[in-house]
Amino acid sequence: MIEKKVVLIVASDLGFMCWLGLTLGAAGFEALPAKRVSDAKHLIRDFDLHVDVLVIDPLIEGAEKFAESLRRAPHHARAIAVTAGTAAAALATPPFELCKAAPGRSDSRAAADWVYAVESQLGVALKTALNF
């Protein structure tokens, strides 16, 4: 039996987490959501998770410190930041490998372009992170 790679998604946007979780699930990953860093820590501890990839909104309180702590841990998670804020470009440095600012919710064309960009970049980042 092949074990699924675990992707931990930490974001405050429930719609984003659902969309990304379904997308990753369809691609054969185990996607687990958390709204806060504290929730993510509880998941890791309570279920003794080995996190292969961390997808985190860098604007969430404690995101950078949490991403660094996972990077230093034996399971060596990759941190991928996807955010709805315009500050994403400024955070495109370690521990965040991928940053893509999302458009406002009222711009449907820009939202479709954003989803496509994130999906294509996420695939590359996941393959790199998981050595595919």
Protein backbone atom coordinates (compact mmCIF):
# COMPACT_ATOMS: atom_id res chain seq x y z
CA MET A 1 0.00 0.00 0.00
CA ILE A 2 1.35 3.42 -0.97
CA GLU A 3 1.12 5.98 1.82
CA LYS A 4 -0.37 9.33 0.83
CA LYS A 5 1.71 12.46 1.29
CA VAL A 6 0.28 14.75 3.97
CA VAL A 7 -0.37 18.40 3.14
CA LEU A 8 -1.26 20.65 6.08
CA ILE A 9 -3.24 23.74 5.01
CA VAL A 10 -3.27 26.65 7.47
CA ALA A 11 -5.53 29.46 6.28
CA SER A 12 -8.38 31.52 7.66
CA ASP A 13 -10.42 31.30 4.42
CA LEU A 14 -12.67 28.23 4.62
CA GLY A 15 -13.50 28.37 0.90
CA PHE A 16 -9.81 28.39 -0.03
CA MET A 17 -9.08 25.46 2.28
CA CYS A 18 -11.97 23.44 0.84
CA TRP A 19 -10.95 24.16 -2.76
CA LEU A 20 -7.29 23.34 -2.15
CA GLY A 21 -8.12 20.28 -0.05
CA LEU A 22 -10.36 18.86 -2.78
CA THR A 23 -7.76 19.64 -5.46
CA LEU A 24 -5.01 17.94 -3.48
CA GLY A 25 -7.25 15.01 -2.55
CA ALA A 26 -8.06 14.41 -6.21
CA ALA A 27 -4.30 14.40 -6.89
CA GLY A 28 -3.76 11.67 -4.28
CA PHE A 29 -2.64 13.76 -1.31
CA GLU A 30 -4.04 13.74 2.21
CA ALA A 31 -5.00 17.38 2.86
CA LEU A 32 -5.71 18.51 6.42
CA PRO A 33 -7.07 22.00 7.22
CA ALA A 34 -6.39 24.28 10.19
CA LYS A 35 -7.56 27.87 10.69
CA ARG A 36 -4.77 28.87 13.09
CA VAL A 37 -1.21 27.86 13.86
CA SER A 38 -2.37 26.57 17.25
CA ASP A 39 -4.89 24.27 15.51
CA ALA A 40 -2.15 22.99 13.19
CA LYS A 41 0.12 22.24 16.14
CA HIS A 42 -2.70 20.29 17.83
CA LEU A 43 -3.25 18.21 14.66
CA ILE A 44 0.44 17.37 14.43
CA ARG A 45 0.68 16.47 18.10
CA ASP A 46 -2.65 14.66 18.53
CA PHE A 47 -2.33 12.55 15.39
CA ASP A 48 1.47 12.24 15.37
CA LEU A 49 1.49 13.65 11.84
CA HIS A 50 4.40 13.58 9.46
CA VAL A 51 3.77 16.74 7.42
CA ASP A 52 5.24 16.50 3.94
CA VAL A 53 4.08 19.90 2.70
CA LEU A 54 2.85 22.95 4.57
CA VAL A 55 0.57 25.39 2.77
CA ILE A 56 0.16 28.45 4.97
CA ASP A 57 -1.07 31.99 4.70
CA PRO A 58 1.99 34.00 5.75
CA LEU A 59 -0.26 36.70 7.24
CA ILE A 60 -1.62 34.34 9.91
CA GLU A 61 -0.18 35.10 13.33
CA GLY A 62 2.88 32.94 13.95
CA ALA A 63 3.06 31.63 10.36
CA GLU A 64 6.74 32.30 9.75
CA LYS A 65 7.90 30.88 13.09
CA PHE A 66 5.69 27.80 12.62
CA ALA A 67 6.96 27.23 9.06
CA GLU A 68 10.56 27.48 10.26
CA SER A 69 9.92 25.03 13.11
CA LEU A 70 8.52 22.46 10.68
CA ARG A 71 11.43 23.02 8.29
CA ARG A 72 13.88 22.21 11.11
CA ALA A 73 11.90 19.17 12.26
CA PRO A 74 12.92 15.66 11.19
CA HIS A 75 10.01 15.46 8.70
CA HIS A 76 11.38 18.57 6.92
CA ALA A 77 8.15 20.02 5.52
CA ARG A 78 8.27 22.47 2.66
CA ALA A 79 6.43 25.71 3.35
CA ILE A 80 4.30 27.09 0.55
CA ALA A 81 2.60 30.40 1.18
CA VAL A 82 -0.57 31.33 -0.65
CA THR A 83 -2.30 34.44 0.60
CA ALA A 84 -5.20 36.73 -0.15
CA GLY A 85 -3.15 39.75 0.86
CA THR A 86 -1.02 41.96 -1.34
CA ALA A 87 1.93 41.42 1.01
CA ALA A 88 2.60 38.01 -0.57
CA ALA A 89 5.39 39.23 -2.84
CA ALA A 90 7.29 40.62 0.12
CA LEU A 91 7.15 37.21 1.80
CA ALA A 92 8.50 35.23 -1.16
CA THR A 93 11.59 34.28 0.79
CA PRO A 94 12.44 31.28 2.94
CA PRO A 95 10.62 29.66 4.64
CA PHE A 96 8.05 30.43 1.93
CA GLU A 97 8.80 28.97 -1.52
CA LEU A 98 5.61 29.95 -3.35
CA CYS A 99 3.69 33.16 -2.93
CA LYS A 100 0.74 34.21 -5.06
CA ALA A 101 -1.50 37.11 -4.09
CA ALA A 102 -5.18 36.38 -4.59
CA PRO A 103 -7.48 38.94 -6.20
CA GLY A 104 -10.53 40.45 -4.56
CA ARG A 105 -13.58 38.20 -4.43
CA SER A 106 -15.57 40.43 -6.78
CA ASP A 107 -13.21 40.02 -9.76
CA SER A 108 -14.22 36.61 -11.21
CA ARG A 109 -11.80 36.71 -14.18
CA ALA A 110 -8.84 37.56 -11.96
CA ALA A 111 -9.95 34.86 -9.51
CA ALA A 112 -9.97 32.25 -12.29
CA ASP A 113 -6.49 33.35 -13.36
CA TRP A 114 -5.31 33.14 -9.74
CA VAL A 115 -6.67 29.61 -9.30
CA TYR A 116 -4.90 28.49 -12.49
CA ALA A 117 -1.61 30.12 -11.44
CA VAL A 118 -1.70 28.59 -7.97
CA GLU A 119 -2.59 25.14 -9.32
CA SER A 120 0.27 25.19 -11.83
CA GLN A 121 2.82 26.57 -9.35
CA LEU A 122 1.63 24.28 -6.59
CA GLY A 123 2.19 21.24 -8.78
CA VAL A 124 5.80 22.24 -9.44
CA ALA A 125 6.38 23.10 -5.78
CA LEU A 126 4.91 19.79 -4.60
CA LYS A 127 7.01 17.79 -7.05
CA THR A 128 10.13 19.63 -5.85
CA ALA A 129 9.21 19.28 -2.19
CA LEU A 130 8.39 15.61 -2.46
CA ASN A 131 11.19 14.70 -4.90
CA PHE A 132 8.90 13.49 -7.71
